[in-house]
C-alpha atoms as a PDB file:
ATOM      1  CA  MET A   1      -0.920 -24.120 -19.115  1.00  0.00           C
ATOM      2  CA  ILE A   2      -3.437 -21.416 -19.397  1.00  0.00           C
ATOM      3  CA  PRO A   3      -2.923 -18.678 -17.333  1.00  0.00           C
ATOM      4  CA  GLU A   4      -5.629 -17.892 -14.794  1.00  0.00           C
ATOM      5  CA  PRO A   5      -8.220 -14.823 -14.991  1.00  0.00           C
ATOM      6  CA  GLU A   6      -6.341 -12.014 -13.288  1.00  0.00           C
ATOM      7  CA  ASN A   7      -9.404 -11.296 -10.827  1.00  0.00           C
ATOM      8  CA  THR A   8      -8.771 -14.712  -9.023  1.00  0.00           C
ATOM      9  CA  TRP A   9      -4.832 -14.852  -9.864  1.00  0.00           C
ATOM     10  CA  CYS A  10      -3.169 -14.756  -6.706  1.00  0.00           C
ATOM     11  CA  PRO A  11       0.575 -13.832  -7.834  1.00  0.00           C
ATOM     12  CA  ALA A  12       3.584 -14.515  -5.804  1.00  0.00           C
ATOM     13  CA  LEU A  13       7.073 -14.780  -6.484  1.00  0.00           C
ATOM     14  CA  ALA A  14       8.644 -17.604  -8.087  1.00  0.00           C
ATOM     15  CA  PRO A  15      10.053 -20.142  -5.231  1.00  0.00           C
ATOM     16  CA  SER A  16      13.843 -18.987  -6.873  1.00  0.00           C
ATOM     17  CA  LEU A  17      13.170 -15.319  -6.610  1.00  0.00           C
ATOM     18  CA  MET A  18      13.891 -12.703  -3.392  1.00  0.00           C
ATOM     19  CA  LEU A  19      12.712  -9.615  -3.197  1.00  0.00           C
ATOM     20  CA  ARG A  20      15.247  -7.192  -1.284  1.00  0.00           C
ATOM     21  CA  HIS A  21      16.525  -3.426  -0.844  1.00  0.00           C
ATOM     22  CA  ASP A  22      19.657  -2.221  -1.576  1.00  0.00           C
ATOM     23  CA  THR A  23      20.424   0.434   0.820  1.00  0.00           C
ATOM     24  CA  VAL A  24      23.452   2.006  -0.856  1.00  0.00           C
ATOM     25  CA  ARG A  25      21.502   1.912  -4.233  1.00  0.00           C
ATOM     26  CA  GLY A  26      18.414   3.022  -2.412  1.00  0.00           C
ATOM     27  CA  ALA A  27      16.775   0.867  -4.711  1.00  0.00           C
ATOM     28  CA  ASP A  28      14.546  -2.666  -4.621  1.00  0.00           C
ATOM     29  CA  LEU A  29      15.895  -5.475  -6.543  1.00  0.00           C
ATOM     30  CA  LEU A  30      14.813  -9.286  -7.489  1.00  0.00           C
ATOM     31  CA  VAL A  31      17.170 -11.480  -6.886  1.00  0.00           C
ATOM     32  CA  LEU A  32      17.428 -14.537  -9.187  1.00  0.00           C
ATOM     33  CA  PRO A  33      19.580 -17.269  -9.573  1.00  0.00           C
ATOM     34  CA  GLU A  34      22.167 -15.721 -12.015  1.00  0.00           C
ATOM     35  CA  ARG A  35      21.148 -12.102 -11.764  1.00  0.00           C
ATOM     36  CA  VAL A  36      19.729  -9.224 -10.389  1.00  0.00           C
ATOM     37  CA  VAL A  37      17.025  -7.001 -11.546  1.00  0.00           C
ATOM     38  CA  VAL A  38      17.140  -3.465 -10.620  1.00  0.00           C
ATOM     39  CA  LEU A  39      13.430  -2.176  -9.560  1.00  0.00           C
ATOM     40  CA  GLU A  40      12.436   1.123 -10.536  1.00  0.00           C
ATOM     41  CA  GLY A  41       9.966   3.780  -8.876  1.00  0.00           C
ATOM     42  CA  HIS A  42       7.260   1.607  -7.587  1.00  0.00           C
ATOM     43  CA  ALA A  43       7.890  -1.935  -8.811  1.00  0.00           C
ATOM     44  CA  GLY A  44       9.099  -2.805  -5.340  1.00  0.00           C
ATOM     45  CA  VAL A  45       6.051  -1.898  -3.422  1.00  0.00           C
ATOM     46  CA  ILE A  46       3.963  -3.816  -6.229  1.00  0.00           C
ATOM     47  CA  VAL A  47       5.925  -7.070  -5.896  1.00  0.00           C
ATOM     48  CA  GLY A  48       6.036  -6.764  -2.165  1.00  0.00           C
ATOM     49  CA  LEU A  49       2.363  -7.169  -2.519  1.00  0.00           C
ATOM     50  CA  CYS A  50       2.710 -10.317  -4.477  1.00  0.00           C
ATOM     51  CA  ASP A  51       2.553 -12.902  -1.715  1.00  0.00           C
ATOM     52  CA  GLY A  52       0.156 -15.251  -3.217  1.00  0.00           C
ATOM     53  CA  THR A  53      -2.694 -14.314  -0.784  1.00  0.00           C
ATOM     54  CA  ARG A  54      -4.055 -10.932  -2.610  1.00  0.00           C
ATOM     55  CA  THR A  55      -5.710 -11.205  -6.232  1.00  0.00           C
ATOM     56  CA  VAL A  56      -4.816  -8.714  -8.661  1.00  0.00           C
ATOM     57  CA  PRO A  57      -7.792  -6.536  -8.066  1.00  0.00           C
ATOM     58  CA  GLY A  58      -6.963  -6.755  -4.284  1.00  0.00           C
ATOM     59  CA  ILE A  59      -3.023  -5.562  -5.267  1.00  0.00           C
ATOM     60  CA  VAL A  60      -4.331  -2.696  -7.268  1.00  0.00           C
ATOM     61  CA  GLY A  61      -7.297  -1.679  -4.607  1.00  0.00           C
ATOM     62  CA  GLU A  62      -4.589  -1.519  -1.913  1.00  0.00           C
ATOM     63  CA  LEU A  63      -2.252   0.306  -4.347  1.00  0.00           C
ATOM     64  CA  ALA A  64      -5.152   3.026  -5.595  1.00  0.00           C
ATOM     65  CA  GLU A  65      -5.382   3.877  -1.714  1.00  0.00           C
ATOM     66  CA  ARG A  66      -2.006   4.386  -0.908  1.00  0.00           C
ATOM     67  CA  PHE A  67      -1.408   6.259  -3.947  1.00  0.00           C
ATOM     68  CA  PRO A  68      -4.851   8.061  -4.755  1.00  0.00           C
ATOM     69  CA  GLY A  69      -4.510   9.635  -8.445  1.00  0.00           C
ATOM     70  CA  ALA A  70      -2.204   7.212  -9.879  1.00  0.00           C
ATOM     71  CA  PRO A  71      -2.878   4.732 -12.763  1.00  0.00           C
ATOM     72  CA  VAL A  72      -2.930   1.465 -10.946  1.00  0.00           C
ATOM     73  CA  ALA A  73      -5.868   0.183 -12.544  1.00  0.00           C
ATOM     74  CA  THR A  74      -4.480   0.175 -15.731  1.00  0.00           C
ATOM     75  CA  THR A  75      -0.426   0.093 -15.186  1.00  0.00           C
ATOM     76  CA  VAL A  76      -0.211  -2.832 -12.435  1.00  0.00           C
ATOM     77  CA  PRO A  77      -2.082  -5.178 -14.192  1.00  0.00           C
ATOM     78  CA  SER A  78       0.020  -5.292 -17.482  1.00  0.00           C
ATOM     79  CA  PHE A  79       2.968  -4.922 -14.974  1.00  0.00           C
ATOM     80  CA  LEU A  80       2.248  -8.006 -13.354  1.00  0.00           C
ATOM     81  CA  ASP A  81       1.534 -10.040 -16.106  1.00  0.00           C
ATOM     82  CA  ARG A  82       4.991  -9.071 -17.799  1.00  0.00           C
ATOM     83  CA  LEU A  83       6.663 -10.437 -14.479  1.00  0.00           C
ATOM     84  CA  ARG A  84       4.578 -13.618 -14.986  1.00  0.00           C
ATOM     85  CA  GLN A  85       5.494 -13.894 -18.848  1.00  0.00           C
ATOM     86  CA  GLU A  86       9.153 -13.502 -17.799  1.00  0.00           C
ATOM     87  CA  GLY A  87       8.482 -16.244 -14.849  1.00  0.00           C
ATOM     88  CA  TRP A  88       9.037 -14.346 -12.097  1.00  0.00           C
ATOM     89  CA  LEU A  89       5.765 -14.770 -10.639  1.00  0.00           C
ATOM     90  CA  LYS A  90       3.574 -17.769 -10.141  1.00  0.00           C
END
């Protein structure tokens, strides 16, 4: 299957994954069926915006408003693509 262009793709977590916050670690976690991935920095915020309703440009725009001056336009699309390649986003 050919992936959709990034300007029309509305990323969402794969059905078998959950985003959780671990208060003990103070970190966001991606809970997979047989493992847990600790998300560093603002990765949990980015994944939290992947609800299937926002396009990648919409996610980038929202993050640019929240984090002025951060290089979200260059880093977020590639981060989301890596998550899609892992099978964590659909």
